[in-house]
Amino acid sequence: MRLRMHACYHAGMEQMTWRAPAGLIERVRRAAQRQHRSMNDYVTAVLDAATNPSLAGGEAERLRERLDQAGLLAEPGERHARPPREETEGARRRAGTGTALSQLVSEDR
């Protein structure tokens, strides 16, 4: 992580370069979109909520409380039940029939 100061930024503002796995960055991007925020604003709010002791009470509990107070606590997604195995196997068998994609491409359809 690097911090850089640019003359074009507001006084007291710094820039941080952050490397993270692509999956995490995509989750952050989607969370920011759901909050109607820029990624910069969202990450700033999350880091402030995670590090500002005045926002909350045991370590994980305080972090969860701070994220909730800042309106950033991610709600668990909707759970979906798996379809019955027989239904999945039947769909797999049906999907394996018909004209192969390679044949359609070679016939220029």
PDB file of N, CA and C in Angstrom:
ATOM      1  N   MET A   1       0.848  -1.160   0.000  1.00  0.00           N
ATOM      2  CA  MET A   1       0.000   0.000   0.000  1.00  0.00           C
ATOM      3  C   MET A   1       0.898   1.229   0.000  1.00  0.00           C
ATOM      4  N   ARG A   2       0.650   2.163  -0.899  1.00  0.00           N
ATOM      5  CA  ARG A   2       1.423   3.396  -0.952  1.00  0.00           C
ATOM      6  C   ARG A   2       0.501   4.578  -0.750  1.00  0.00           C
ATOM      7  N   LEU A   3       1.032   5.600  -0.156  1.00  0.00           N
ATOM      8  CA  LEU A   3       0.296   6.849  -0.005  1.00  0.00           C
ATOM      9  C   LEU A   3       1.042   7.902  -0.803  1.00  0.00           C
ATOM     10  N   ARG A   4       0.316   8.674  -1.590  1.00  0.00           N
ATOM     11  CA  ARG A   4       0.910   9.749  -2.378  1.00  0.00           C
ATOM     12  C   ARG A   4       0.103  11.006  -2.166  1.00  0.00           C
ATOM     13  N   MET A   5       0.781  12.123  -2.148  1.00  0.00           N
ATOM     14  CA  MET A   5       0.107  13.412  -2.028  1.00  0.00           C
ATOM     15  C   MET A   5       0.209  14.112  -3.370  1.00  0.00           C
ATOM     16  N   HIS A   6      -0.876  14.571  -3.892  1.00  0.00           N
ATOM     17  CA  HIS A   6      -0.910  15.282  -5.165  1.00  0.00           C
ATOM     18  C   HIS A   6      -1.360  16.716  -4.934  1.00  0.00           C
ATOM     19  N   ALA A   7      -0.716  17.632  -5.633  1.00  0.00           N
ATOM     20  CA  ALA A   7      -1.045  19.047  -5.478  1.00  0.00           C
ATOM     21  C   ALA A   7      -2.475  19.342  -5.908  1.00  0.00           C
ATOM     22  N   CYS A   8      -3.007  18.532  -6.837  1.00  0.00           N
ATOM     23  CA  CYS A   8      -4.353  18.803  -7.342  1.00  0.00           C
ATOM     24  C   CYS A   8      -5.448  18.378  -6.357  1.00  0.00           C
ATOM     25  N   TYR A   9      -5.100  17.666  -5.298  1.00  0.00           N
ATOM     26  CA  TYR A   9      -6.096  17.203  -4.340  1.00  0.00           C
ATOM     27  C   TYR A   9      -6.357  18.281  -3.298  1.00  0.00           C
ATOM     28  N   HIS A  10      -7.476  18.164  -2.654  1.00  0.00           N
ATOM     29  CA  HIS A  10      -7.804  19.106  -1.586  1.00  0.00           C
ATOM     30  C   HIS A  10      -6.763  19.000  -0.483  1.00  0.00           C
ATOM     31  N   ALA A  11      -6.568  20.069   0.215  1.00  0.00           N
ATOM     32  CA  ALA A  11      -5.608  20.066   1.320  1.00  0.00           C
ATOM     33  C   ALA A  11      -5.981  18.983   2.313  1.00  0.00           C
ATOM     34  N   GLY A  12      -4.995  18.222   2.739  1.00  0.00           N
ATOM     35  CA  GLY A  12      -5.219  17.171   3.718  1.00  0.00           C
ATOM     36  C   GLY A  12      -5.688  15.853   3.131  1.00  0.00           C
ATOM     37  N   MET A  13      -5.889  15.772   1.823  1.00  0.00           N
ATOM     38  CA  MET A  13      -6.318  14.529   1.177  1.00  0.00           C
ATOM     39  C   MET A  13      -5.091  13.811   0.641  1.00  0.00           C
ATOM     40  N   GLU A  14      -5.085  12.493   0.773  1.00  0.00           N
ATOM     41  CA  GLU A  14      -4.000  11.684   0.238  1.00  0.00           C
ATOM     42  C   GLU A  14      -4.593  10.587  -0.613  1.00  0.00           C
ATOM     43  N   GLN A  15      -3.760  10.004  -1.453  1.00  0.00           N
ATOM     44  CA  GLN A  15      -4.207   8.939  -2.347  1.00  0.00           C
ATOM     45  C   GLN A  15      -3.542   7.642  -1.933  1.00  0.00           C
ATOM     46  N   MET A  16      -4.284   6.542  -1.968  1.00  0.00           N
ATOM     47  CA  MET A  16      -3.765   5.238  -1.594  1.00  0.00           C
ATOM     48  C   MET A  16      -3.925   4.295  -2.779  1.00  0.00           C
ATOM     49  N   THR A  17      -2.876   3.527  -3.079  1.00  0.00           N
ATOM     50  CA  THR A  17      -2.958   2.468  -4.077  1.00  0.00           C
ATOM     51  C   THR A  17      -3.143   1.174  -3.322  1.00  0.00           C
ATOM     52  N   TRP A  18      -4.121   0.371  -3.717  1.00  0.00           N
ATOM     53  CA  TRP A  18      -4.491  -0.830  -2.976  1.00  0.00           C
ATOM     54  C   TRP A  18      -4.527  -2.000  -3.928  1.00  0.00           C
ATOM     55  N   ARG A  19      -3.803  -3.079  -3.626  1.00  0.00           N
ATOM     56  CA  ARG A  19      -3.844  -4.297  -4.423  1.00  0.00           C
ATOM     57  C   ARG A  19      -4.673  -5.321  -3.679  1.00  0.00           C
ATOM     58  N   ALA A  20      -5.600  -5.957  -4.400  1.00  0.00           N
ATOM     59  CA  ALA A  20      -6.476  -6.956  -3.785  1.00  0.00           C
ATOM     60  C   ALA A  20      -6.892  -7.953  -4.859  1.00  0.00           C
ATOM     61  N   PRO A  21      -7.355  -9.130  -4.463  1.00  0.00           N
ATOM     62  CA  PRO A  21      -7.822 -10.105  -5.447  1.00  0.00           C
ATOM     63  C   PRO A  21      -8.998  -9.539  -6.256  1.00  0.00           C
ATOM     64  N   ALA A  22      -9.070  -9.938  -7.509  1.00  0.00           N
ATOM     65  CA  ALA A  22     -10.113  -9.435  -8.409  1.00  0.00           C
ATOM     66  C   ALA A  22     -11.513  -9.681  -7.847  1.00  0.00           C
ATOM     67  N   GLY A  23     -11.719 -10.822  -7.214  1.00  0.00           N
ATOM     68  CA  GLY A  23     -13.035 -11.133  -6.654  1.00  0.00           C
ATOM     69  C   GLY A  23     -13.450 -10.158  -5.562  1.00  0.00           C
ATOM     70  N   LEU A  24     -12.497  -9.790  -4.713  1.00  0.00           N
ATOM     71  CA  LEU A  24     -12.788  -8.825  -3.645  1.00  0.00           C
ATOM     72  C   LEU A  24     -13.108  -7.461  -4.245  1.00  0.00           C
ATOM     73  N   ILE A  25     -12.332  -7.045  -5.218  1.00  0.00           N
ATOM     74  CA  ILE A  25     -12.583  -5.745  -5.838  1.00  0.00           C
ATOM     75  C   ILE A  25     -13.961  -5.721  -6.495  1.00  0.00           C
ATOM     76  N   GLU A  26     -14.357  -6.816  -7.131  1.00  0.00           N
ATOM     77  CA  GLU A  26     -15.681  -6.866  -7.753  1.00  0.00           C
ATOM     78  C   GLU A  26     -16.777  -6.804  -6.691  1.00  0.00           C
ATOM     79  N   ARG A  27     -16.575  -7.481  -5.545  1.00  0.00           N
ATOM     80  CA  ARG A  27     -17.577  -7.411  -4.471  1.00  0.00           C
ATOM     81  C   ARG A  27     -17.691  -5.993  -3.937  1.00  0.00           C
ATOM     82  N   VAL A  28     -16.545  -5.308  -3.786  1.00  0.00           N
ATOM     83  CA  VAL A  28     -16.553  -3.916  -3.324  1.00  0.00           C
ATOM     84  C   VAL A  28     -17.275  -3.041  -4.344  1.00  0.00           C
ATOM     85  N   ARG A  29     -17.002  -3.258  -5.629  1.00  0.00           N
ATOM     86  CA  ARG A  29     -17.648  -2.471  -6.684  1.00  0.00           C
ATOM     87  C   ARG A  29     -19.184  -2.641  -6.626  1.00  0.00           C
ATOM     88  N   ARG A  30     -19.630  -3.894  -6.475  1.00  0.00           N
ATOM     89  CA  ARG A  30     -21.087  -4.144  -6.412  1.00  0.00           C
ATOM     90  C   ARG A  30     -21.698  -3.542  -5.154  1.00  0.00           C
ATOM     91  N   ALA A  31     -20.990  -3.652  -4.020  1.00  0.00           N
ATOM     92  CA  ALA A  31     -21.500  -3.076  -2.767  1.00  0.00           C
ATOM     93  C   ALA A  31     -21.617  -1.562  -2.895  1.00  0.00           C
ATOM     94  N   ALA A  32     -20.625  -0.934  -3.519  1.00  0.00           N
ATOM     95  CA  ALA A  32     -20.678   0.525  -3.720  1.00  0.00           C
ATOM     96  C   ALA A  32     -21.847   0.895  -4.613  1.00  0.00           C
ATOM     97  N   GLN A  33     -22.076   0.134  -5.666  1.00  0.00           N
ATOM     98  CA  GLN A  33     -23.197   0.411  -6.568  1.00  0.00           C
ATOM     99  C   GLN A  33     -24.524   0.299  -5.829  1.00  0.00           C
ATOM    100  N   ARG A  34     -24.647  -0.732  -4.972  1.00  0.00           N
ATOM    101  CA  ARG A  34     -25.902  -0.894  -4.216  1.00  0.00           C
ATOM    102  C   ARG A  34     -26.144   0.288  -3.295  1.00  0.00           C
ATOM    103  N   GLN A  35     -25.077   0.917  -2.809  1.00  0.00           N
ATOM    104  CA  GLN A  35     -25.181   2.078  -1.927  1.00  0.00           C
ATOM    105  C   GLN A  35     -25.271   3.382  -2.712  1.00  0.00           C
ATOM    106  N   HIS A  36     -25.218   3.289  -4.046  1.00  0.00           N
ATOM    107  CA  HIS A  36     -25.218   4.473  -4.923  1.00  0.00           C
ATOM    108  C   HIS A  36     -24.061   5.395  -4.557  1.00  0.00           C
ATOM    109  N   ARG A  37     -22.866   4.797  -4.369  1.00  0.00           N
ATOM    110  CA  ARG A  37     -21.665   5.535  -4.023  1.00  0.00           C
ATOM    111  C   ARG A  37     -20.563   5.192  -5.023  1.00  0.00           C
ATOM    112  N   SER A  38     -19.584   6.059  -5.123  1.00  0.00           N
ATOM    113  CA  SER A  38     -18.388   5.712  -5.882  1.00  0.00           C
ATOM    114  C   SER A  38     -17.608   4.689  -5.053  1.00  0.00           C
ATOM    115  N   MET A  39     -16.737   3.940  -5.720  1.00  0.00           N
ATOM    116  CA  MET A  39     -15.906   2.993  -4.981  1.00  0.00           C
ATOM    117  C   MET A  39     -15.038   3.744  -3.965  1.00  0.00           C
ATOM    118  N   ASN A  40     -14.516   4.907  -4.352  1.00  0.00           N
ATOM    119  CA  ASN A  40     -13.684   5.689  -3.455  1.00  0.00           C
ATOM    120  C   ASN A  40     -14.460   6.087  -2.197  1.00  0.00           C
ATOM    121  N   ASP A  41     -15.665   6.586  -2.375  1.00  0.00           N
ATOM    122  CA  ASP A  41     -16.479   7.005  -1.235  1.00  0.00           C
ATOM    123  C   ASP A  41     -16.836   5.810  -0.356  1.00  0.00           C
ATOM    124  N   TYR A  42     -17.189   4.681  -0.975  1.00  0.00           N
ATOM    125  CA  TYR A  42     -17.568   3.482  -0.230  1.00  0.00           C
ATOM    126  C   TYR A  42     -16.391   2.956   0.588  1.00  0.00           C
ATOM    127  N   VAL A  43     -15.212   2.796  -0.046  1.00  0.00           N
ATOM    128  CA  VAL A  43     -14.036   2.284   0.661  1.00  0.00           C
ATOM    129  C   VAL A  43     -13.634   3.239   1.778  1.00  0.00           C
ATOM    130  N   THR A  44     -13.714   4.536   1.545  1.00  0.00           N
ATOM    131  CA  THR A  44     -13.404   5.524   2.581  1.00  0.00           C
ATOM    132  C   THR A  44     -14.341   5.356   3.775  1.00  0.00           C
ATOM    133  N   ALA A  45     -15.633   5.199   3.500  1.00  0.00           N
ATOM    134  CA  ALA A  45     -16.605   5.040   4.591  1.00  0.00           C
ATOM    135  C   ALA A  45     -16.384   3.737   5.355  1.00  0.00           C
ATOM    136  N   VAL A  46     -16.088   2.652   4.648  1.00  0.00           N
ATOM    137  CA  VAL A  46     -15.848   1.366   5.312  1.00  0.00           C
ATOM    138  C   VAL A  46     -14.600   1.452   6.188  1.00  0.00           C
ATOM    139  N   LEU A  47     -13.521   2.020   5.651  1.00  0.00           N
ATOM    140  CA  LEU A  47     -12.293   2.123   6.442  1.00  0.00           C
ATOM    141  C   LEU A  47     -12.472   3.055   7.638  1.00  0.00           C
ATOM    142  N   ASP A  48     -13.222   4.120   7.472  1.00  0.00           N
ATOM    143  CA  ASP A  48     -13.496   5.015   8.596  1.00  0.00           C
ATOM    144  C   ASP A  48     -14.312   4.281   9.658  1.00  0.00           C
ATOM    145  N   ALA A  49     -15.334   3.548   9.226  1.00  0.00           N
ATOM    146  CA  ALA A  49     -16.166   2.810  10.181  1.00  0.00           C
ATOM    147  C   ALA A  49     -15.364   1.720  10.885  1.00  0.00           C
ATOM    148  N   ALA A  50     -14.425   1.112  10.178  1.00  0.00           N
ATOM    149  CA  ALA A  50     -13.623   0.035  10.759  1.00  0.00           C
ATOM    150  C   ALA A  50     -12.559   0.550  11.720  1.00  0.00           C
ATOM    151  N   THR A  51     -12.149   1.799  11.588  1.00  0.00           N
ATOM    152  CA  THR A  51     -11.036   2.291  12.401  1.00  0.00           C
ATOM    153  C   THR A  51     -11.401   3.406  13.366  1.00  0.00           C
ATOM    154  N   ASN A  52     -12.615   3.915  13.307  1.00  0.00           N
ATOM    155  CA  ASN A  52     -13.005   5.031  14.166  1.00  0.00           C
ATOM    156  C   ASN A  52     -13.603   4.495  15.468  1.00  0.00           C
ATOM    157  N   PRO A  53     -12.860   4.544  16.571  1.00  0.00           N
ATOM    158  CA  PRO A  53     -13.353   3.968  17.820  1.00  0.00           C
ATOM    159  C   PRO A  53     -14.572   4.688  18.385  1.00  0.00           C
ATOM    160  N   SER A  54     -14.824   5.897  17.957  1.00  0.00           N
ATOM    161  CA  SER A  54     -15.979   6.618  18.501  1.00  0.00           C
ATOM    162  C   SER A  54     -17.287   6.106  17.917  1.00  0.00           C
ATOM    163  N   LEU A  55     -17.223   5.268  16.893  1.00  0.00           N
ATOM    164  CA  LEU A  55     -18.454   4.752  16.298  1.00  0.00           C
ATOM    165  C   LEU A  55     -19.006   3.526  17.014  1.00  0.00           C
ATOM    166  N   ALA A  56     -18.305   2.907  17.980  1.00  0.00           N
ATOM    167  CA  ALA A  56     -18.876   1.762  18.671  1.00  0.00           C
ATOM    168  C   ALA A  56     -18.133   1.225  19.896  1.00  0.00           C
ATOM    169  N   GLY A  57     -18.385  -0.842  20.785  1.00  0.00           N
ATOM    170  CA  GLY A  57     -18.119  -1.605  21.969  1.00  0.00           C
ATOM    171  C   GLY A  57     -17.335  -2.880  21.762  1.00  0.00           C
ATOM    172  N   GLY A  58     -16.162  -6.036  22.103  1.00  0.00           N
ATOM    173  CA  GLY A  58     -15.225  -6.969  21.560  1.00  0.00           C
ATOM    174  C   GLY A  58     -14.949  -6.647  20.093  1.00  0.00           C
ATOM    175  N   GLU A  59     -13.864  -6.776  19.572  1.00  0.00           N
ATOM    176  CA  GLU A  59     -13.348  -6.284  18.293  1.00  0.00           C
ATOM    177  C   GLU A  59     -14.301  -6.536  17.128  1.00  0.00           C
ATOM    178  N   ALA A  60     -14.718  -7.787  16.922  1.00  0.00           N
ATOM    179  CA  ALA A  60     -15.608  -8.093  15.791  1.00  0.00           C
ATOM    180  C   ALA A  60     -16.959  -7.417  15.973  1.00  0.00           C
ATOM    181  N   GLU A  61     -17.446  -7.366  17.203  1.00  0.00           N
ATOM    182  CA  GLU A  61     -18.739  -6.742  17.480  1.00  0.00           C
ATOM    183  C   GLU A  61     -18.683  -5.238  17.219  1.00  0.00           C
ATOM    184  N   ARG A  62     -17.586  -4.612  17.667  1.00  0.00           N
ATOM    185  CA  ARG A  62     -17.439  -3.170  17.436  1.00  0.00           C
ATOM    186  C   ARG A  62     -17.368  -2.863  15.945  1.00  0.00           C
ATOM    187  N   LEU A  63     -16.638  -3.687  15.180  1.00  0.00           N
ATOM    188  CA  LEU A  63     -16.546  -3.462  13.741  1.00  0.00           C
ATOM    189  C   LEU A  63     -17.914  -3.608  13.090  1.00  0.00           C
ATOM    190  N   ARG A  64     -18.651  -4.651  13.471  1.00  0.00           N
ATOM    191  CA  ARG A  64     -19.996  -4.860  12.908  1.00  0.00           C
ATOM    192  C   ARG A  64     -20.913  -3.689  13.259  1.00  0.00           C
ATOM    193  N   GLU A  65     -20.846  -3.212  14.506  1.00  0.00           N
ATOM    194  CA  GLU A  65     -21.669  -2.079  14.920  1.00  0.00           C
ATOM    195  C   GLU A  65     -21.321  -0.825  14.130  1.00  0.00           C
ATOM    196  N   ARG A  66     -20.019  -0.580  13.947  1.00  0.00           N
ATOM    197  CA  ARG A  66     -19.599   0.607  13.204  1.00  0.00           C
ATOM    198  C   ARG A  66     -20.052   0.536  11.754  1.00  0.00           C
ATOM    199  N   LEU A  67     -19.915  -0.639  11.141  1.00  0.00           N
ATOM    200  CA  LEU A  67     -20.365  -0.785   9.751  1.00  0.00           C
ATOM    201  C   LEU A  67     -21.878  -0.577   9.653  1.00  0.00           C
ATOM    202  N   ASP A  68     -22.622  -1.088  10.645  1.00  0.00           N
ATOM    203  CA  ASP A  68     -24.073  -0.922  10.639  1.00  0.00           C
ATOM    204  C   ASP A  68     -24.439   0.548  10.825  1.00  0.00           C
ATOM    205  N   GLN A  69     -23.778   1.246  11.745  1.00  0.00           N
ATOM    206  CA  GLN A  69     -24.066   2.658  11.986  1.00  0.00           C
ATOM    207  C   GLN A  69     -23.767   3.511  10.765  1.00  0.00           C
ATOM    208  N   ALA A  70     -22.772   3.103  10.000  1.00  0.00           N
ATOM    209  CA  ALA A  70     -22.416   3.853   8.798  1.00  0.00           C
ATOM    210  C   ALA A  70     -23.273   3.452   7.608  1.00  0.00           C
ATOM    211  N   GLY A  71     -24.204   2.511   7.827  1.00  0.00           N
ATOM    212  CA  GLY A  71     -25.062   2.054   6.732  1.00  0.00           C
ATOM    213  C   GLY A  71     -24.321   1.172   5.742  1.00  0.00           C
ATOM    214  N   LEU A  72     -23.261   0.503   6.199  1.00  0.00           N
ATOM    215  CA  LEU A  72     -22.424  -0.286   5.298  1.00  0.00           C
ATOM    216  C   LEU A  72     -22.421  -1.775   5.610  1.00  0.00           C
ATOM    217  N   LEU A  73     -23.211  -2.214   6.560  1.00  0.00           N
ATOM    218  CA  LEU A  73     -23.229  -3.621   6.921  1.00  0.00           C
ATOM    219  C   LEU A  73     -23.907  -4.406   5.807  1.00  0.00           C
ATOM    220  N   ALA A  74     -23.175  -5.335   5.230  1.00  0.00           N
ATOM    221  CA  ALA A  74     -23.718  -6.130   4.121  1.00  0.00           C
ATOM    222  C   ALA A  74     -24.725  -7.134   4.668  1.00  0.00           C
ATOM    223  N   GLU A  75     -25.889  -7.136   4.097  1.00  0.00           N
ATOM    224  CA  GLU A  75     -26.911  -8.102   4.475  1.00  0.00           C
ATOM    225  C   GLU A  75     -26.662  -9.406   3.728  1.00  0.00           C
ATOM    226  N   PRO A  76     -26.910 -10.552   4.364  1.00  0.00           N
ATOM    227  CA  PRO A  76     -26.702 -11.811   3.645  1.00  0.00           C
ATOM    228  C   PRO A  76     -27.649 -11.896   2.451  1.00  0.00           C
ATOM    229  N   GLY A  77     -27.160 -12.501   1.387  1.00  0.00           N
ATOM    230  CA  GLY A  77     -27.964 -12.640   0.173  1.00  0.00           C
ATOM    231  C   GLY A  77     -29.090 -13.649   0.355  1.00  0.00           C
ATOM    232  N   GLU A  78     -30.022 -13.607  -0.563  1.00  0.00           N
ATOM    233  CA  GLU A  78     -31.152 -14.541  -0.533  1.00  0.00           C
ATOM    234  C   GLU A  78     -30.652 -15.960  -0.778  1.00  0.00           C
ATOM    235  N   ARG A  79     -31.094 -16.904   0.020  1.00  0.00           N
ATOM    236  CA  ARG A  79     -30.687 -18.301  -0.139  1.00  0.00           C
ATOM    237  C   ARG A  79     -31.639 -18.991  -1.099  1.00  0.00           C
ATOM    238  N   HIS A  80     -31.064 -19.833  -1.914  1.00  0.00           N
ATOM    239  CA  HIS A  80     -31.856 -20.596  -2.871  1.00  0.00           C
ATOM    240  C   HIS A  80     -31.668 -22.078  -2.593  1.00  0.00           C
ATOM    241  N   ALA A  81     -32.770 -22.823  -2.647  1.00  0.00           N
ATOM    242  CA  ALA A  81     -32.689 -24.266  -2.456  1.00  0.00           C
ATOM    243  C   ALA A  81     -32.254 -24.923  -3.764  1.00  0.00           C
ATOM    244  N   ARG A  82     -31.441 -25.964  -3.638  1.00  0.00           N
ATOM    245  CA  ARG A  82     -31.034 -26.699  -4.828  1.00  0.00           C
ATOM    246  C   ARG A  82     -32.220 -27.479  -5.369  1.00  0.00           C
ATOM    247  N   PRO A  83     -32.319 -27.588  -6.698  1.00  0.00           N
ATOM    248  CA  PRO A  83     -33.385 -28.418  -7.252  1.00  0.00           C
ATOM    249  C   PRO A  83     -33.090 -29.889  -6.961  1.00  0.00           C
ATOM    250  N   PRO A  84     -34.108 -30.725  -6.966  1.00  0.00           N
ATOM    251  CA  PRO A  84     -33.893 -32.159  -6.722  1.00  0.00           C
ATOM    252  C   PRO A  84     -32.908 -32.739  -7.747  1.00  0.00           C
ATOM    253  N   ARG A  85     -32.116 -33.730  -7.315  1.00  0.00           N
ATOM    254  CA  ARG A  85     -31.107 -34.356  -8.172  1.00  0.00           C
ATOM    255  C   ARG A  85     -31.724 -34.897  -9.464  1.00  0.00           C
ATOM    256  N   GLU A  86     -32.889 -35.508  -9.372  1.00  0.00           N
ATOM    257  CA  GLU A  86     -33.533 -36.081 -10.565  1.00  0.00           C
ATOM    258  C   GLU A  86     -33.831 -34.995 -11.602  1.00  0.00           C
ATOM    259  N   GLU A  87     -34.268 -33.844 -11.122  1.00  0.00           N
ATOM    260  CA  GLU A  87     -34.581 -32.734 -12.023  1.00  0.00           C
ATOM    261  C   GLU A  87     -33.312 -32.237 -12.729  1.00  0.00           C
ATOM    262  N   THR A  88     -32.233 -32.141 -11.968  1.00  0.00           N
ATOM    263  CA  THR A  88     -30.964 -31.700 -12.543  1.00  0.00           C
ATOM    264  C   THR A  88     -30.443 -32.718 -13.554  1.00  0.00           C
ATOM    265  N   GLU A  89     -30.501 -33.988 -13.213  1.00  0.00           N
ATOM    266  CA  GLU A  89     -30.027 -35.022 -14.136  1.00  0.00           C
ATOM    267  C   GLU A  89     -30.848 -35.029 -15.422  1.00  0.00           C
ATOM    268  N   GLY A  90     -32.161 -34.857 -15.309  1.00  0.00           N
ATOM    269  CA  GLY A  90     -33.023 -34.802 -16.494  1.00  0.00           C
ATOM    270  C   GLY A  90     -32.672 -33.611 -17.371  1.00  0.00           C
ATOM    271  N   ALA A  91     -32.440 -32.469 -16.772  1.00  0.00           N
ATOM    272  CA  ALA A  91     -32.068 -31.281 -17.543  1.00  0.00           C
ATOM    273  C   ALA A  91     -30.720 -31.492 -18.225  1.00  0.00           C
ATOM    274  N   ARG A  92     -29.787 -32.138 -17.542  1.00  0.00           N
ATOM    275  CA  ARG A  92     -28.471 -32.409 -18.130  1.00  0.00           C
ATOM    276  C   ARG A  92     -28.606 -33.328 -19.342  1.00  0.00           C
ATOM    277  N   ARG A  93     -29.449 -34.373 -19.224  1.00  0.00           N
ATOM    278  CA  ARG A  93     -29.663 -35.298 -20.360  1.00  0.00           C
ATOM    279  C   ARG A  93     -30.274 -34.558 -21.546  1.00  0.00           C
ATOM    280  N   ARG A  94     -31.283 -33.723 -21.281  1.00  0.00           N
ATOM    281  CA  ARG A  94     -31.940 -32.986 -22.369  1.00  0.00           C
ATOM    282  C   ARG A  94     -30.990 -31.985 -23.016  1.00  0.00           C
ATOM    283  N   ALA A  95     -30.109 -31.382 -22.208  1.00  0.00           N
ATOM    284  CA  ALA A  95     -29.164 -30.402 -22.747  1.00  0.00           C
ATOM    285  C   ALA A  95     -28.137 -31.057 -23.661  1.00  0.00           C
ATOM    286  N   GLY A  96     -27.888 -32.357 -23.486  1.00  0.00           N
ATOM    287  CA  GLY A  96     -26.907 -33.071 -24.299  1.00  0.00           C
ATOM    288  C   GLY A  96     -27.452 -33.558 -25.630  1.00  0.00           C
ATOM    289  N   THR A  97     -28.700 -33.250 -25.944  1.00  0.00           N
ATOM    290  CA  THR A  97     -29.285 -33.698 -27.212  1.00  0.00           C
ATOM    291  C   THR A  97     -29.417 -32.508 -28.148  1.00  0.00           C
ATOM    292  N   GLY A  98     -29.669 -32.790 -29.396  1.00  0.00           N
ATOM    293  CA  GLY A  98     -29.853 -31.700 -30.350  1.00  0.00           C
ATOM    294  C   GLY A  98     -28.606 -31.485 -31.187  1.00  0.00           C
ATOM    295  N   THR A  99     -28.596 -30.393 -31.906  1.00  0.00           N
ATOM    296  CA  THR A  99     -27.504 -30.077 -32.811  1.00  0.00           C
ATOM    297  C   THR A  99     -26.336 -29.468 -32.035  1.00  0.00           C
ATOM    298  N   ALA A 100     -25.147 -29.971 -32.298  1.00  0.00           N
ATOM    299  CA  ALA A 100     -23.957 -29.460 -31.624  1.00  0.00           C
ATOM    300  C   ALA A 100     -23.670 -28.036 -32.089  1.00  0.00           C
ATOM    301  N   LEU A 101     -23.165 -27.203 -31.200  1.00  0.00           N
ATOM    302  CA  LEU A 101     -22.829 -25.827 -31.529  1.00  0.00           C
ATOM    303  C   LEU A 101     -21.799 -25.769 -32.652  1.00  0.00           C
ATOM    304  N   SER A 102     -20.820 -26.663 -32.617  1.00  0.00           N
ATOM    305  CA  SER A 102     -19.795 -26.672 -33.665  1.00  0.00           C
ATOM    306  C   SER A 102     -20.413 -26.908 -35.037  1.00  0.00           C
ATOM    307  N   GLN A 103     -21.449 -27.726 -35.089  1.00  0.00           N
ATOM    308  CA  GLN A 103     -22.130 -27.973 -36.376  1.00  0.00           C
ATOM    309  C   GLN A 103     -22.865 -26.713 -36.830  1.00  0.00           C
ATOM    310  N   LEU A 104     -23.533 -26.033 -35.935  1.00  0.00           N
ATOM    311  CA  LEU A 104     -24.243 -24.807 -36.300  1.00  0.00           C
ATOM    312  C   LEU A 104     -23.265 -23.749 -36.804  1.00  0.00           C
ATOM    313  N   VAL A 105     -22.099 -23.640 -36.166  1.00  0.00           N
ATOM    314  CA  VAL A 105     -21.109 -22.661 -36.595  1.00  0.00           C
ATOM    315  C   VAL A 105     -20.576 -23.025 -37.973  1.00  0.00           C
ATOM    316  N   SER A 106     -20.273 -24.301 -38.170  1.00  0.00           N
ATOM    317  CA  SER A 106     -19.723 -24.692 -39.469  1.00  0.00           C
ATOM    318  C   SER A 106     -20.759 -24.559 -40.578  1.00  0.00           C
ATOM    319  N   GLU A 107     -22.038 -24.645 -40.256  1.00  0.00           N
ATOM    320  CA  GLU A 107     -23.110 -24.455 -41.252  1.00  0.00           C
ATOM    321  C   GLU A 107     -23.445 -22.977 -41.423  1.00  0.00           C
ATOM    322  N   ASP A 108     -22.762 -22.110 -40.668  1.00  0.00           N
ATOM    323  CA  ASP A 108     -22.951 -20.663 -40.743  1.00  0.00           C
ATOM    324  C   ASP A 108     -24.376 -20.238 -40.450  1.00  0.00           C
ATOM    325  N   ARG A 109     -24.952 -20.810 -39.413  1.00  0.00           N
ATOM    326  CA  ARG A 109     -26.336 -20.462 -39.056  1.00  0.00           C
ATOM    327  C   ARG A 109     -26.371 -19.266 -38.168  1.00  0.00           C
TER     328      ARG A 109
END
